[in-house]
Amino acid sequence: MIKIFLTSFDYFIKIPTTSFFFKKLLNISTGSQKPKRNWIGILSVQQLYEIALLKKLQFSYKHSLYNICKMLISSALSIGIWIQL
């Protein structure tokens, strides 16, 4: 008697979190202890836009790029990252 086990696996590779992208771009390990008071880094609008393009893949067609950028800005400010215009 021969037993054959057919198993299949579904792998879902997700996009890293927003804070992961911020930390890698700025080479920091943690966020600010006092956000909106002590700034730990500065992101340019171009860097923010590139992260938004990656995050758009995660949100698919639910959100516009403008709304994703607004979410990223609020996340950056809550960590203590300044957005340079």
N, C-alpha and C. Protein backbone atom coordinates (compact mmCIF):
# COMPACT_ATOMS: atom_id res chain seq x y z
N MET A 1 0.85 -1.16 0.00
CA MET A 1 0.00 0.00 0.00
C MET A 1 0.90 1.24 0.00
N ILE A 2 0.61 2.14 -0.88
CA ILE A 2 1.39 3.37 -1.01
C ILE A 2 0.51 4.54 -0.59
N LYS A 3 1.01 5.31 0.33
CA LYS A 3 0.29 6.51 0.76
C LYS A 3 0.95 7.74 0.17
N ILE A 4 0.18 8.53 -0.45
CA ILE A 4 0.69 9.77 -1.03
C ILE A 4 -0.04 10.92 -0.34
N PHE A 5 0.73 11.78 0.23
CA PHE A 5 0.16 12.95 0.89
C PHE A 5 0.40 14.16 0.01
N LEU A 6 -0.66 14.73 -0.42
CA LEU A 6 -0.55 15.94 -1.22
C LEU A 6 -0.92 17.11 -0.32
N THR A 7 0.04 17.91 -0.08
CA THR A 7 -0.22 19.09 0.74
C THR A 7 0.08 20.33 -0.09
N SER A 8 -0.69 21.30 0.17
CA SER A 8 -0.45 22.56 -0.51
C SER A 8 -0.39 23.66 0.53
N PHE A 9 0.42 24.62 0.26
CA PHE A 9 0.61 25.73 1.17
C PHE A 9 0.31 27.02 0.43
N ASP A 10 -0.33 27.89 1.12
CA ASP A 10 -0.57 29.22 0.57
C ASP A 10 0.30 30.21 1.32
N TYR A 11 1.13 30.88 0.57
CA TYR A 11 2.00 31.88 1.16
C TYR A 11 1.48 33.26 0.79
N PHE A 12 1.31 34.06 1.79
CA PHE A 12 0.90 35.43 1.58
C PHE A 12 2.04 36.33 2.01
N ILE A 13 2.65 36.97 1.07
CA ILE A 13 3.75 37.87 1.37
C ILE A 13 3.18 39.27 1.42
N LYS A 14 3.25 39.84 2.59
CA LYS A 14 2.67 41.18 2.76
C LYS A 14 3.76 42.24 2.73
N ILE A 15 3.34 43.43 2.49
CA ILE A 15 4.23 44.58 2.48
C ILE A 15 4.57 44.93 3.93
N PRO A 16 5.83 45.26 4.22
CA PRO A 16 6.19 45.61 5.60
C PRO A 16 5.40 46.80 6.13
N THR A 17 5.44 46.96 7.42
CA THR A 17 4.70 48.05 8.05
C THR A 17 5.31 49.40 7.70
N THR A 18 4.54 50.42 7.91
CA THR A 18 4.98 51.78 7.61
C THR A 18 6.18 52.17 8.48
N SER A 19 6.13 51.81 9.75
CA SER A 19 7.24 52.15 10.63
C SER A 19 8.53 51.45 10.21
N PHE A 20 8.43 50.27 9.62
CA PHE A 20 9.62 49.58 9.11
C PHE A 20 10.29 50.40 8.02
N PHE A 21 9.49 50.92 7.08
CA PHE A 21 10.05 51.74 6.02
C PHE A 21 10.69 53.02 6.57
N PHE A 22 10.02 53.65 7.52
CA PHE A 22 10.57 54.86 8.12
C PHE A 22 11.91 54.58 8.81
N LYS A 23 11.96 53.52 9.57
CA LYS A 23 13.17 53.19 10.32
C LYS A 23 14.33 52.84 9.39
N LYS A 24 14.05 52.13 8.30
CA LYS A 24 15.12 51.77 7.36
C LYS A 24 15.63 52.99 6.59
N LEU A 25 14.72 53.88 6.22
CA LEU A 25 15.15 55.07 5.48
C LEU A 25 16.00 56.00 6.34
N LEU A 26 15.65 56.11 7.61
CA LEU A 26 16.35 57.05 8.49
C LEU A 26 17.43 56.41 9.35
N ASN A 27 17.59 55.10 9.23
CA ASN A 27 18.59 54.36 10.02
C ASN A 27 18.42 54.60 11.52
N ILE A 28 17.20 54.41 11.99
CA ILE A 28 16.92 54.55 13.42
C ILE A 28 16.38 53.22 13.94
N SER A 29 16.46 53.02 15.25
CA SER A 29 15.97 51.76 15.81
C SER A 29 14.59 51.90 16.44
N THR A 30 14.32 53.04 17.06
CA THR A 30 13.02 53.26 17.68
C THR A 30 12.53 54.66 17.36
N GLY A 31 11.27 54.88 17.66
CA GLY A 31 10.70 56.20 17.46
C GLY A 31 11.07 57.13 18.61
N SER A 32 10.60 58.34 18.52
CA SER A 32 10.88 59.34 19.54
C SER A 32 10.10 59.04 20.81
N GLN A 33 10.71 59.32 21.96
CA GLN A 33 10.02 59.14 23.23
C GLN A 33 8.94 60.21 23.42
N LYS A 34 9.17 61.38 22.83
CA LYS A 34 8.20 62.48 22.89
C LYS A 34 7.91 62.95 21.47
N PRO A 35 7.01 62.24 20.77
CA PRO A 35 6.73 62.65 19.40
C PRO A 35 6.08 64.04 19.35
N LYS A 36 6.26 64.70 18.26
CA LYS A 36 5.80 66.07 18.00
C LYS A 36 6.52 67.10 18.86
N ARG A 37 7.50 66.66 19.65
CA ARG A 37 8.35 67.58 20.41
C ARG A 37 9.81 67.38 20.05
N ASN A 38 10.24 66.12 20.07
CA ASN A 38 11.61 65.77 19.69
C ASN A 38 11.56 65.04 18.35
N TRP A 39 12.14 65.65 17.34
CA TRP A 39 12.14 65.05 16.01
C TRP A 39 13.38 64.19 15.85
N ILE A 40 13.20 62.96 15.37
CA ILE A 40 14.34 62.06 15.25
C ILE A 40 14.85 61.95 13.81
N GLY A 41 14.12 62.51 12.87
CA GLY A 41 14.55 62.45 11.49
C GLY A 41 13.66 63.28 10.59
N ILE A 42 14.12 63.43 9.35
CA ILE A 42 13.38 64.22 8.36
C ILE A 42 13.22 63.37 7.10
N LEU A 43 11.99 63.26 6.63
CA LEU A 43 11.69 62.58 5.38
C LEU A 43 11.33 63.61 4.32
N SER A 44 11.77 63.37 3.11
CA SER A 44 11.38 64.26 2.02
C SER A 44 10.04 63.79 1.45
N VAL A 45 9.41 64.64 0.68
CA VAL A 45 8.13 64.31 0.06
C VAL A 45 8.32 63.18 -0.95
N GLN A 46 9.46 63.16 -1.63
CA GLN A 46 9.73 62.12 -2.60
C GLN A 46 9.81 60.75 -1.92
N GLN A 47 10.48 60.67 -0.78
CA GLN A 47 10.56 59.41 -0.04
C GLN A 47 9.18 58.97 0.43
N LEU A 48 8.39 59.93 0.89
CA LEU A 48 7.04 59.63 1.33
C LEU A 48 6.19 59.11 0.17
N TYR A 49 6.35 59.71 -0.99
CA TYR A 49 5.61 59.29 -2.17
C TYR A 49 5.98 57.87 -2.59
N GLU A 50 7.27 57.52 -2.50
CA GLU A 50 7.72 56.18 -2.86
C GLU A 50 7.14 55.13 -1.91
N ILE A 51 7.07 55.45 -0.63
CA ILE A 51 6.45 54.53 0.34
C ILE A 51 4.96 54.41 0.04
N ALA A 52 4.32 55.50 -0.34
CA ALA A 52 2.89 55.47 -0.65
C ALA A 52 2.61 54.59 -1.86
N LEU A 53 3.50 54.60 -2.84
CA LEU A 53 3.32 53.73 -4.00
C LEU A 53 3.38 52.26 -3.60
N LEU A 54 4.28 51.93 -2.68
CA LEU A 54 4.36 50.55 -2.20
C LEU A 54 3.13 50.18 -1.38
N LYS A 55 2.68 51.10 -0.54
CA LYS A 55 1.52 50.82 0.30
C LYS A 55 0.24 50.73 -0.52
N LYS A 56 0.20 51.37 -1.68
CA LYS A 56 -0.98 51.29 -2.53
C LYS A 56 -1.23 49.86 -2.98
N LEU A 57 -0.17 49.07 -3.11
CA LEU A 57 -0.33 47.66 -3.46
C LEU A 57 -1.07 46.91 -2.36
N GLN A 58 -0.86 47.31 -1.14
CA GLN A 58 -1.51 46.67 -0.01
C GLN A 58 -2.99 47.05 0.07
N PHE A 59 -3.30 48.31 -0.15
CA PHE A 59 -4.66 48.79 -0.01
C PHE A 59 -5.48 48.57 -1.28
N SER A 60 -4.86 48.14 -2.35
CA SER A 60 -5.43 47.94 -3.67
C SER A 60 -6.20 49.18 -4.13
N TYR A 61 -7.47 49.05 -4.42
CA TYR A 61 -8.20 50.18 -4.99
C TYR A 61 -9.09 50.89 -3.97
N LYS A 62 -8.91 50.59 -2.71
CA LYS A 62 -9.78 51.17 -1.68
C LYS A 62 -9.47 52.64 -1.44
N HIS A 63 -8.20 53.00 -1.48
CA HIS A 63 -7.80 54.35 -1.12
C HIS A 63 -7.04 55.00 -2.27
N SER A 64 -7.19 56.29 -2.38
CA SER A 64 -6.42 57.02 -3.38
C SER A 64 -5.02 57.27 -2.84
N LEU A 65 -4.12 57.63 -3.73
CA LEU A 65 -2.74 57.88 -3.34
C LEU A 65 -2.66 59.08 -2.40
N TYR A 66 -3.53 60.04 -2.59
CA TYR A 66 -3.58 61.21 -1.71
C TYR A 66 -3.91 60.79 -0.28
N ASN A 67 -4.91 59.93 -0.11
CA ASN A 67 -5.30 59.49 1.22
C ASN A 67 -4.22 58.63 1.87
N ILE A 68 -3.52 57.83 1.07
CA ILE A 68 -2.43 57.02 1.62
C ILE A 68 -1.31 57.94 2.11
N CYS A 69 -1.01 59.00 1.36
CA CYS A 69 0.01 59.95 1.80
C CYS A 69 -0.39 60.64 3.10
N LYS A 70 -1.67 60.96 3.25
CA LYS A 70 -2.14 61.56 4.50
C LYS A 70 -1.97 60.60 5.67
N MET A 71 -2.24 59.31 5.44
CA MET A 71 -2.04 58.31 6.50
C MET A 71 -0.56 58.19 6.87
N LEU A 72 0.30 58.22 5.86
CA LEU A 72 1.74 58.11 6.12
C LEU A 72 2.26 59.32 6.88
N ILE A 73 1.76 60.50 6.55
CA ILE A 73 2.19 61.71 7.26
C ILE A 73 1.79 61.64 8.72
N SER A 74 0.57 61.20 9.00
CA SER A 74 0.16 61.11 10.40
C SER A 74 0.94 60.04 11.14
N SER A 75 1.29 58.95 10.46
CA SER A 75 2.13 57.92 11.10
C SER A 75 3.52 58.45 11.39
N ALA A 76 4.07 59.20 10.44
CA ALA A 76 5.41 59.76 10.63
C ALA A 76 5.44 60.75 11.79
N LEU A 77 4.44 61.60 11.87
CA LEU A 77 4.40 62.57 12.96
C LEU A 77 4.22 61.90 14.32
N SER A 78 3.49 60.80 14.36
CA SER A 78 3.30 60.11 15.64
C SER A 78 4.56 59.39 16.10
N ILE A 79 5.46 59.08 15.18
CA ILE A 79 6.73 58.46 15.55
C ILE A 79 7.76 59.52 15.91
N GLY A 80 7.60 60.72 15.39
CA GLY A 80 8.56 61.79 15.65
C GLY A 80 9.40 62.11 14.44
N ILE A 81 8.85 61.90 13.26
CA ILE A 81 9.56 62.16 12.01
C ILE A 81 8.93 63.38 11.34
N TRP A 82 9.75 64.31 10.96
CA TRP A 82 9.31 65.54 10.31
C TRP A 82 9.29 65.32 8.81
N ILE A 83 8.26 65.85 8.13
CA ILE A 83 8.16 65.77 6.68
C ILE A 83 8.59 67.09 6.09
N GLN A 84 9.65 67.07 5.29
CA GLN A 84 10.19 68.30 4.70
C GLN A 84 9.50 68.53 3.37
N LEU A 85 8.92 69.71 3.23
CA LEU A 85 8.22 70.06 1.98
C LEU A 85 9.15 70.67 0.98
